[in-house]
Amino acid sequence: MASDQCHEQESRKEIPLAIIHAALGDVEKTLYWSAQARERNRFLSIVCTNNPYADVWQPAEGTCERFAAEQEN
């Protein structure tokens, strides 16, 4: 599996992991995974709309489409 695909699969686990840790009462991990999800959303909202790094870096194929679909839900 390509590195980008592996990272993307891991990043999609952030919200469910935050929910699981919240249910278990693990505040520290709940805060960690919630922060990871927020940072991912902020980053993708920038690079998927007006990528300031476009000359040197592009998101993996399909990343922005999946991010847009997630935002509609």
N, C-alpha and C. Protein backbone atom coordinates (compact mmCIF):
# COMPACT_ATOMS: atom_id res chain seq x y z
N MET A 1 0.85 -1.17 0.00
CA MET A 1 0.00 0.00 0.00
C MET A 1 0.90 1.24 0.00
N ALA A 2 0.55 2.21 -0.80
CA ALA A 2 1.33 3.44 -0.88
C ALA A 2 1.25 4.20 0.44
N SER A 3 2.28 4.96 0.72
CA SER A 3 2.35 5.71 1.97
C SER A 3 1.16 6.67 2.13
N ASP A 4 0.79 7.38 1.05
CA ASP A 4 -0.34 8.32 1.12
C ASP A 4 -1.63 7.59 1.47
N GLN A 5 -1.85 6.43 0.86
CA GLN A 5 -3.07 5.68 1.12
C GLN A 5 -3.11 5.19 2.56
N CYS A 6 -1.98 4.72 3.05
CA CYS A 6 -1.90 4.24 4.43
C CYS A 6 -2.19 5.37 5.40
N HIS A 7 -1.57 6.55 5.17
CA HIS A 7 -1.81 7.70 6.06
C HIS A 7 -3.27 8.12 6.01
N GLU A 8 -3.85 8.11 4.81
CA GLU A 8 -5.24 8.53 4.69
C GLU A 8 -6.17 7.57 5.43
N GLN A 9 -5.90 6.27 5.34
CA GLN A 9 -6.73 5.32 6.06
C GLN A 9 -6.61 5.54 7.56
N GLU A 10 -5.40 5.81 8.03
CA GLU A 10 -5.21 6.09 9.45
C GLU A 10 -5.95 7.35 9.86
N SER A 11 -5.89 8.40 9.02
CA SER A 11 -6.50 9.66 9.40
C SER A 11 -8.02 9.56 9.45
N ARG A 12 -8.63 8.65 8.71
CA ARG A 12 -10.07 8.48 8.76
C ARG A 12 -10.52 7.82 10.06
N LYS A 13 -9.59 7.29 10.83
CA LYS A 13 -9.91 6.63 12.09
C LYS A 13 -9.99 7.61 13.25
N GLU A 14 -9.63 8.87 13.02
CA GLU A 14 -9.52 9.83 14.11
C GLU A 14 -10.83 10.04 14.86
N ILE A 15 -11.90 10.30 14.15
CA ILE A 15 -13.19 10.55 14.80
C ILE A 15 -13.68 9.30 15.54
N PRO A 16 -13.71 8.11 14.88
CA PRO A 16 -14.16 6.93 15.63
C PRO A 16 -13.29 6.65 16.86
N LEU A 17 -11.98 6.86 16.75
CA LEU A 17 -11.12 6.64 17.90
C LEU A 17 -11.43 7.62 19.02
N ALA A 18 -11.72 8.86 18.67
CA ALA A 18 -12.09 9.84 19.69
C ALA A 18 -13.36 9.42 20.40
N ILE A 19 -14.32 8.91 19.66
CA ILE A 19 -15.60 8.47 20.24
C ILE A 19 -15.39 7.27 21.16
N ILE A 20 -14.59 6.33 20.71
CA ILE A 20 -14.32 5.13 21.52
C ILE A 20 -13.65 5.51 22.83
N HIS A 21 -12.62 6.35 22.76
CA HIS A 21 -11.92 6.74 23.98
C HIS A 21 -12.81 7.57 24.90
N ALA A 22 -13.71 8.36 24.32
CA ALA A 22 -14.65 9.12 25.15
C ALA A 22 -15.56 8.16 25.90
N ALA A 23 -16.05 7.14 25.20
CA ALA A 23 -16.93 6.16 25.84
C ALA A 23 -16.22 5.41 26.95
N LEU A 24 -14.90 5.21 26.78
CA LEU A 24 -14.12 4.50 27.79
C LEU A 24 -13.66 5.42 28.92
N GLY A 25 -13.92 6.71 28.77
CA GLY A 25 -13.54 7.66 29.80
C GLY A 25 -12.08 8.09 29.75
N ASP A 26 -11.41 7.83 28.62
CA ASP A 26 -10.00 8.21 28.47
C ASP A 26 -9.93 9.62 27.88
N VAL A 27 -9.93 10.60 28.74
CA VAL A 27 -9.99 12.00 28.33
C VAL A 27 -8.78 12.40 27.48
N GLU A 28 -7.60 11.98 27.90
CA GLU A 28 -6.38 12.37 27.19
C GLU A 28 -6.40 11.89 25.73
N LYS A 29 -6.76 10.64 25.52
CA LYS A 29 -6.79 10.12 24.15
C LYS A 29 -7.97 10.70 23.37
N THR A 30 -9.08 10.98 24.04
CA THR A 30 -10.21 11.62 23.38
C THR A 30 -9.79 12.98 22.83
N LEU A 31 -9.11 13.75 23.65
CA LEU A 31 -8.66 15.07 23.22
C LEU A 31 -7.64 14.96 22.09
N TYR A 32 -6.74 13.98 22.18
CA TYR A 32 -5.72 13.80 21.14
C TYR A 32 -6.37 13.51 19.79
N TRP A 33 -7.25 12.51 19.73
CA TRP A 33 -7.85 12.13 18.45
C TRP A 33 -8.81 13.19 17.93
N SER A 34 -9.46 13.91 18.81
CA SER A 34 -10.32 15.01 18.37
C SER A 34 -9.48 16.12 17.74
N ALA A 35 -8.34 16.43 18.36
CA ALA A 35 -7.44 17.44 17.81
C ALA A 35 -6.88 17.01 16.46
N GLN A 36 -6.54 15.72 16.33
CA GLN A 36 -6.03 15.22 15.06
C GLN A 36 -7.08 15.40 13.95
N ALA A 37 -8.32 15.09 14.26
CA ALA A 37 -9.39 15.23 13.27
C ALA A 37 -9.58 16.70 12.87
N ARG A 38 -9.55 17.60 13.85
CA ARG A 38 -9.69 19.03 13.55
C ARG A 38 -8.55 19.52 12.66
N GLU A 39 -7.32 19.13 12.99
CA GLU A 39 -6.16 19.57 12.20
C GLU A 39 -6.24 19.03 10.78
N ARG A 40 -6.65 17.78 10.62
CA ARG A 40 -6.80 17.19 9.29
C ARG A 40 -7.83 17.97 8.49
N ASN A 41 -8.95 18.29 9.11
CA ASN A 41 -10.00 19.03 8.41
C ASN A 41 -9.54 20.43 8.02
N ARG A 42 -8.83 21.10 8.91
CA ARG A 42 -8.29 22.43 8.58
C ARG A 42 -7.34 22.36 7.41
N PHE A 43 -6.42 21.41 7.48
CA PHE A 43 -5.41 21.27 6.43
C PHE A 43 -6.07 20.96 5.08
N LEU A 44 -6.98 19.98 5.06
CA LEU A 44 -7.62 19.62 3.80
C LEU A 44 -8.51 20.73 3.27
N SER A 45 -9.14 21.50 4.15
CA SER A 45 -9.97 22.61 3.68
C SER A 45 -9.13 23.65 2.94
N ILE A 46 -7.86 23.77 3.31
CA ILE A 46 -6.96 24.70 2.63
C ILE A 46 -6.44 24.10 1.32
N VAL A 47 -5.84 22.91 1.41
CA VAL A 47 -5.18 22.36 0.22
C VAL A 47 -6.16 21.85 -0.83
N CYS A 48 -7.40 21.62 -0.45
CA CYS A 48 -8.38 21.15 -1.43
C CYS A 48 -9.12 22.29 -2.10
N THR A 49 -8.97 23.52 -1.61
CA THR A 49 -9.66 24.65 -2.22
C THR A 49 -8.69 25.60 -2.92
N ASN A 50 -7.61 25.93 -2.25
CA ASN A 50 -6.64 26.87 -2.82
C ASN A 50 -5.25 26.47 -2.31
N ASN A 51 -4.71 25.42 -2.88
CA ASN A 51 -3.48 24.80 -2.39
C ASN A 51 -2.27 25.72 -2.53
N PRO A 52 -1.75 26.25 -1.42
CA PRO A 52 -0.58 27.12 -1.50
C PRO A 52 0.71 26.35 -1.80
N TYR A 53 0.65 25.02 -1.74
CA TYR A 53 1.81 24.17 -1.99
C TYR A 53 1.75 23.50 -3.36
N ALA A 54 0.83 23.92 -4.20
CA ALA A 54 0.57 23.24 -5.47
C ALA A 54 1.81 23.06 -6.34
N ASP A 55 2.75 23.98 -6.27
CA ASP A 55 3.96 23.87 -7.10
C ASP A 55 4.84 22.70 -6.68
N VAL A 56 4.76 22.30 -5.42
CA VAL A 56 5.65 21.25 -4.93
C VAL A 56 4.93 20.02 -4.36
N TRP A 57 3.63 20.13 -4.09
CA TRP A 57 2.92 19.01 -3.47
C TRP A 57 1.44 19.05 -3.83
N GLN A 58 0.86 17.89 -4.07
CA GLN A 58 -0.56 17.73 -4.34
C GLN A 58 -1.11 16.62 -3.44
N PRO A 59 -2.34 16.74 -2.96
CA PRO A 59 -2.93 15.65 -2.19
C PRO A 59 -3.06 14.40 -3.07
N ALA A 60 -3.07 13.25 -2.45
CA ALA A 60 -3.24 11.99 -3.18
C ALA A 60 -4.55 12.02 -3.96
N GLU A 61 -4.56 11.32 -5.05
CA GLU A 61 -5.75 11.27 -5.91
C GLU A 61 -6.96 10.79 -5.10
N GLY A 62 -8.04 11.50 -5.20
CA GLY A 62 -9.28 11.15 -4.51
C GLY A 62 -9.42 11.74 -3.12
N THR A 63 -8.34 12.26 -2.55
CA THR A 63 -8.39 12.79 -1.19
C THR A 63 -9.39 13.93 -1.07
N CYS A 64 -9.31 14.88 -1.97
CA CYS A 64 -10.20 16.05 -1.88
C CYS A 64 -11.65 15.67 -2.16
N GLU A 65 -11.85 14.70 -3.04
CA GLU A 65 -13.22 14.26 -3.32
C GLU A 65 -13.82 13.59 -2.08
N ARG A 66 -13.03 12.75 -1.42
CA ARG A 66 -13.53 12.10 -0.20
C ARG A 66 -13.75 13.12 0.91
N PHE A 67 -12.85 14.10 1.01
CA PHE A 67 -13.00 15.13 2.04
C PHE A 67 -14.29 15.93 1.78
N ALA A 68 -14.55 16.29 0.54
CA ALA A 68 -15.79 17.03 0.22
C ALA A 68 -17.01 16.21 0.55
N ALA A 69 -16.97 14.91 0.27
CA ALA A 69 -18.11 14.04 0.59
C ALA A 69 -18.32 13.94 2.10
N GLU A 70 -17.21 13.88 2.87
CA GLU A 70 -17.31 13.84 4.32
C GLU A 70 -17.95 15.11 4.86
N GLN A 71 -17.64 16.25 4.26
CA GLN A 71 -18.17 17.54 4.72
C GLN A 71 -19.65 17.68 4.44
N GLU A 72 -20.14 16.97 3.43
CA GLU A 72 -21.58 17.03 3.12
C GLU A 72 -22.42 16.24 4.12
N ASN A 73 -21.80 15.27 4.78
CA ASN A 73 -22.54 14.42 5.73
C ASN A 73 -22.78 15.08 7.03
